Protein backbone atom coordinates (compact mmCIF):
# COMPACT_ATOMS: atom_id res chain seq x y z
CA MET A 1 119.61 99.66 91.30
CA TYR A 2 117.01 99.69 94.07
CA TYR A 3 114.66 101.91 91.94
CA LEU A 4 114.80 99.82 88.87
CA ASP A 5 114.44 96.56 90.85
CA ARG A 6 111.47 97.87 92.60
CA ALA A 7 109.79 98.98 89.20
CA HIS A 8 110.38 95.29 88.04
CA GLY A 9 108.65 93.88 91.37
CA SER A 10 112.20 92.75 92.57
CA ASP A 11 113.94 93.42 95.93
CA GLY A 12 117.28 95.08 95.34
CA SER A 13 118.61 93.95 98.84
CA GLU A 14 118.49 90.23 97.68
CA ILE A 15 121.88 89.01 96.68
CA TYR A 16 122.14 86.16 94.36
CA ARG A 17 124.18 84.20 91.76
CA THR A 18 122.68 84.82 88.14
CA LYS A 19 121.68 81.63 86.36
CA ALA A 20 121.90 82.41 83.09
CA GLY A 21 124.44 84.98 82.60
CA PHE A 22 127.12 83.95 85.13
CA ALA A 23 129.15 81.87 82.73
CA TYR A 24 128.26 84.06 79.72
CA PRO A 25 131.77 84.86 78.84
CA LEU A 26 132.42 81.15 78.26
CA ARG A 27 129.33 80.68 76.18
CA LYS A 28 130.00 79.54 72.54
CA ASP A 29 127.89 79.24 69.28
CA ARG A 30 127.01 76.36 67.22
CA SER A 31 130.45 76.70 65.26
CA GLY A 32 132.43 76.48 68.62
CA ASN A 33 133.21 80.19 68.61
CA TYR A 34 132.97 82.41 71.87
CA LEU A 35 129.84 84.54 71.56
CA VAL A 36 132.20 87.07 73.27
CA LYS A 37 135.04 88.01 71.08
CA SER A 38 138.66 88.56 71.53
CA GLY A 39 139.15 92.31 72.46
CA GLU A 40 135.68 92.97 73.95
CA THR A 41 135.06 94.60 77.04
CA LEU A 42 132.82 93.07 79.70
CA ARG A 43 131.49 95.08 82.60
CA VAL A 44 131.07 92.99 85.64
CA CYS A 45 128.50 93.40 88.19
CA MET A 46 127.26 96.93 87.50
CA THR A 47 124.30 96.67 88.99
CA SER A 48 125.86 94.84 92.33
CA ASP A 49 129.45 94.84 93.72
CA PHE A 50 132.12 92.23 92.71
CA PHE A 51 133.34 92.40 96.16
CA LEU A 52 130.27 91.90 98.37
CA GLU A 53 130.83 89.75 101.21
CA GLU A 54 127.84 87.67 100.24
CA SER A 55 129.20 86.66 97.36
CA ASP A 56 132.44 85.19 98.40
CA ALA A 57 131.34 81.77 97.91
CA TRP A 58 131.13 82.36 93.85
CA ARG A 59 134.05 84.83 93.35
CA ALA A 60 136.66 81.91 92.75
CA GLU A 61 134.56 80.76 89.80
CA ALA A 62 134.19 84.12 88.54
CA TRP A 63 138.12 84.53 88.59
CA ASP A 64 138.33 81.19 86.94
CA ILE A 65 136.07 82.48 84.19
CA ILE A 66 138.33 85.95 83.96
CA ARG A 67 141.30 83.71 83.93
CA GLU A 68 140.25 81.72 81.04
CA ARG A 69 139.10 84.58 78.72
CA SER A 70 142.51 86.35 78.99
CA ASP A 71 141.54 87.84 75.47
CA VAL A 72 138.80 89.83 76.96
CA ALA A 73 139.12 92.93 79.08
CA PHE A 74 136.90 92.77 82.40
CA PHE A 75 135.79 96.06 83.98
CA LEU A 76 135.34 95.71 87.71
CA LEU A 77 133.67 98.32 89.68
CA THR A 78 133.31 98.46 93.54
CA LYS A 79 132.54 100.70 96.43
CA ARG A 80 134.28 98.05 98.76
CA ILE A 81 137.82 98.64 97.53
CA GLN A 82 139.04 97.66 100.91
CA ARG A 83 138.02 94.13 100.69
CA ALA A 84 139.71 93.84 97.18
CA LYS A 85 143.03 92.65 98.10
CA SER A 86 141.75 89.65 100.33
CA CYS A 87 139.68 88.63 97.67
CA LEU A 88 142.25 88.52 94.72
CA PRO A 89 143.33 84.95 93.28
CA PRO A 90 146.33 83.22 94.32
CA ASP A 91 148.12 83.71 90.95
CA TRP A 92 146.85 87.50 90.84
CA GLY A 93 150.85 88.65 91.21
CA ASP A 94 151.06 92.43 90.09
CA GLY A 95 147.81 91.87 88.42
CA TRP A 96 146.19 90.46 85.16
CA ASP A 97 146.48 92.27 81.85
CA ASN A 98 142.78 91.82 81.24
CA VAL A 99 141.24 93.17 84.45
CA PHE A 100 140.21 96.96 84.86
CA LEU A 101 139.91 97.77 88.66
CA ASN A 102 137.74 100.65 89.25
CA VAL A 103 136.32 102.55 92.45
CA SER A 104 133.09 104.56 92.87
CA THR A 105 133.96 108.00 93.93
CA GLU A 106 130.55 110.19 94.14
CA ASN A 107 132.07 113.01 96.21
CA GLN A 108 135.35 114.06 97.78
CA ARG A 109 134.90 112.22 100.78
CA ARG A 110 134.72 108.92 98.91
CA ALA A 111 137.45 109.80 96.87
CA ASP A 112 139.67 110.70 99.68
CA GLU A 113 138.58 107.13 101.45
CA ARG A 114 138.66 104.69 98.40
CA ILE A 115 141.32 106.04 95.93
CA PRO A 116 144.35 105.56 98.21
CA VAL A 117 143.33 101.98 98.86
CA LEU A 118 142.99 101.54 94.98
CA LEU A 119 146.42 103.01 94.56
CA ASP A 120 147.88 100.28 97.09
CA ILE A 121 146.46 97.29 95.31
CA PRO A 122 148.89 95.71 92.47
CA ALA A 123 146.81 96.00 89.25
CA LYS A 124 147.82 96.67 85.78
CA HIS A 125 144.82 98.90 84.91
CA LYS A 126 142.92 101.13 87.34
CA GLY A 127 140.01 103.77 87.05
CA VAL A 128 137.93 105.99 88.79
CA MET A 129 134.08 106.48 88.00
CA CYS A 130 132.63 109.65 89.49
CA ALA A 131 129.09 108.44 88.93
CA PRO A 132 126.68 109.50 90.36
CA LEU A 133 128.40 112.59 90.97
CA ILE A 134 126.96 114.33 94.01
CA GLY A 135 129.53 116.96 94.91
CA PRO A 136 132.88 118.45 93.73
CA VAL A 137 135.71 116.19 93.48
CA ALA A 138 139.47 116.91 93.16
CA LEU A 139 141.55 113.96 91.85
CA GLY A 140 144.80 115.94 91.04
CA PRO A 141 147.13 114.41 93.34
CA TYR A 142 145.80 111.19 92.57
CA LEU A 143 146.12 111.39 88.74
CA GLU A 144 149.72 112.70 89.20
CA THR A 145 150.66 109.15 90.35
CA GLY A 146 150.60 108.00 87.01
CA SER A 147 148.60 104.83 88.22
CA ILE A 148 145.14 106.08 87.09
CA ASP A 149 144.14 105.24 83.45
CA GLN A 150 140.53 106.77 83.13
CA VAL A 151 138.01 108.81 84.94
CA ILE A 152 134.29 108.55 84.19
CA ALA A 153 131.82 111.07 85.51
CA GLY A 154 128.02 111.48 85.22
CA GLY A 155 125.12 112.58 87.24
CA GLU A 156 122.45 111.01 89.37
CA ASN A 157 119.00 109.59 88.13
CA TYR A 158 115.99 107.68 89.36
CA ASP A 159 114.53 107.95 92.88
CA GLY A 160 115.89 111.02 94.94
CA TYR A 161 118.16 112.18 92.24
CA ARG A 162 120.50 115.09 93.48
CA GLU A 163 121.90 117.57 91.33
CA CYS A 164 125.41 117.62 89.35
CA ASP A 165 126.94 120.94 88.56
CA PHE A 166 128.81 121.47 85.28
CA GLU A 167 131.50 123.47 86.96
CA TRP A 168 132.30 119.77 88.86
CA ILE A 169 132.71 118.44 85.39
CA LYS A 170 134.66 120.98 84.04
CA ALA A 171 137.15 120.87 86.92
CA LEU A 172 137.64 116.96 86.34
CA ARG A 173 138.28 117.35 82.66
CA LYS A 174 140.82 120.04 83.49
CA GLU A 175 142.72 117.76 85.90
CA CYS A 176 142.49 114.85 83.48
CA GLU A 177 143.60 116.97 80.62
CA ASP A 178 146.62 118.16 82.64
CA ALA A 179 147.56 114.70 83.24
CA ASP A 180 146.71 113.42 80.00
CA ILE A 181 144.30 110.72 81.28
CA ARG A 182 141.14 109.83 79.52
CA PHE A 183 138.02 111.24 80.67
CA CYS A 184 134.45 110.52 79.75
CA PHE A 185 131.50 112.65 80.68
CA ILE A 186 128.73 110.02 80.11
CA GLU A 187 125.61 111.84 81.13
CA THR A 188 124.24 114.89 82.94
CA GLY A 189 121.89 113.25 85.31
CA SER A 190 118.33 114.11 85.90
CA LYS A 191 119.10 117.45 87.54
CA PHE A 192 122.08 119.39 85.80
CA VAL A 193 123.30 122.87 86.83
CA LYS A 194 124.66 124.92 84.35
CA ASP A 195 125.78 128.57 84.98
CA GLY A 196 123.63 128.79 87.93
CA LYS A 197 120.77 127.42 86.07
CA LYS A 198 118.96 124.42 87.03
CA TYR A 199 117.62 121.99 84.33
CA LEU A 200 115.58 118.78 84.71
CA LEU A 201 116.30 116.22 82.37
CA ARG A 202 114.17 112.95 82.55
CA SER A 203 115.35 111.11 79.44
CA LYS A 204 118.55 109.28 79.87
CA ARG A 205 119.25 109.55 76.16
CA LEU A 206 118.89 113.35 76.28
CA GLN A 207 121.14 113.14 79.37
CA SER A 208 123.68 111.36 77.39
CA GLU A 209 123.36 113.53 74.28
CA MET A 210 123.75 116.71 76.33
CA ALA A 211 127.06 115.26 77.75
CA TRP A 212 128.37 114.61 74.19
CA LYS A 213 127.31 117.96 73.15
CA SER A 214 129.19 119.54 75.99
CA ASP A 215 132.54 118.32 74.31
CA MET A 216 133.99 117.70 77.73
CA SER A 217 135.22 114.14 77.08
CA TYR A 218 139.07 113.73 76.54
CA THR A 219 140.71 110.87 74.88
CA GLY A 220 143.97 111.41 76.76
CA ARG A 221 146.77 108.74 76.47
CA PRO A 222 146.13 105.29 75.01
CA LEU A 223 144.50 102.48 77.27
CA ARG A 224 146.05 99.36 76.16
CA PHE A 225 145.41 96.10 77.38
CA ASN A 226 147.83 93.21 76.48
CA LEU A 227 145.11 90.49 75.98
CA ARG A 228 146.22 86.96 75.24
CA VAL A 229 144.65 83.98 73.87
CA ARG A 230 144.48 81.32 76.53
CA ASP A 231 147.63 82.76 78.24
CA THR A 232 149.75 82.00 75.38
CA GLN A 233 149.61 83.93 72.33
CA LEU A 234 149.71 87.76 72.62
CA PHE A 235 147.90 89.61 69.78
CA SER A 236 147.75 93.12 68.68
CA GLU A 237 144.58 95.50 68.71
CA SER A 238 144.68 94.97 64.94
CA GLU A 239 143.19 91.38 65.66
CA TRP A 240 140.59 92.81 68.01
CA HIS A 241 136.89 92.43 67.40
CA THR A 242 135.89 95.62 65.72
CA PRO A 243 132.48 96.83 67.43
CA VAL A 244 129.45 98.12 65.65
CA PHE A 245 127.69 101.49 66.45
CA ARG A 246 124.45 102.51 65.18
CA GLU A 247 123.37 106.02 64.02
CA SER A 248 121.99 106.53 67.30
CA CYS A 249 125.22 106.14 69.03
CA GLU A 250 126.75 109.08 67.31
CA ARG A 251 125.81 111.48 69.88
CA CYS A 252 126.13 109.49 72.86
CA GLY A 253 128.09 110.28 75.78
CA SER A 254 129.41 107.06 76.73
CA ARG A 255 130.73 106.58 73.01
CA MET A 256 134.51 106.77 73.97
CA ILE A 257 134.15 103.86 76.46
CA CYS A 258 131.16 101.93 74.80
CA ASN A 259 132.00 98.21 73.76
CA GLY A 260 129.44 98.67 70.95
CA CYS A 261 127.39 95.64 69.61
CA SER A 262 128.55 92.46 68.46
CA ASP A 263 126.60 92.89 65.21
CA CYS A 264 124.73 89.46 65.52
CA GLY A 265 122.36 90.26 62.81
CA LYS A 266 119.19 90.44 65.20
CA CYS A 267 119.06 94.19 64.58
CA LYS A 268 118.14 95.20 61.07
CA SER A 269 118.80 98.91 61.42
CA ASN A 270 121.55 100.74 59.46
CA THR A 271 125.24 100.29 61.06
CA VAL A 272 128.43 102.14 60.81
CA ARG A 273 131.60 100.29 61.67
CA ILE A 274 134.15 102.59 63.47
CA LYS A 275 137.41 101.57 65.52
CA ALA A 276 136.82 101.97 69.09
CA LEU A 277 139.05 104.72 70.51
């Protein structure tokens, strides 16, 4: 994040509320239909942290938006899971069906520090993101609790990238397979180690393709969100918006967890409609 902000002349340490994008889930087209369709997944604050102390003043409004769009799944990722319980909305109860709470665990130290806190929080959906993975991580005991729905792994990029070893990926895959939990290997990172050899892959697209080619991702048991329209009507997956994937998506490591595109018509390239896993 800091590297990319510097590349665009911005200060990554500056914390601010986005102007146009904050209420994006509530935006509608000229016909009065939501731009974000029922059944889509939105990833929140992926270049920041939803539980930053500096954003406490805006979080209630963010929860209001998530509550209003109970027909959309919201993916929340944090390194500050210790703040999460105190930042939940008053009507949270045992969790909202449309919120997927995830922690970032780049090595074993962070896994052992953050995952127990995550497991102690009432939430319908919980996940672990080992990205950037900078050391071996064993998740077996945590996965055996049955509370983790998904594990994502990927190497490090940009300024000061550290190596990611394929052995770490294989070990995570084996643990997830044993627990029948979805595992997605999204990218190798810039410096990848396989069979003792080090490879430098500067292209993120190539990293993603190599992750796909490794065949390490594992579908696991279905991850289901009981999404509702305006907190009243529960609808089935057959009624969800069907994402569109381009030909370039076929060999992408993130395909399993990707929301696809909304097929707005602005892109004229050939498309292939495939139901998301």
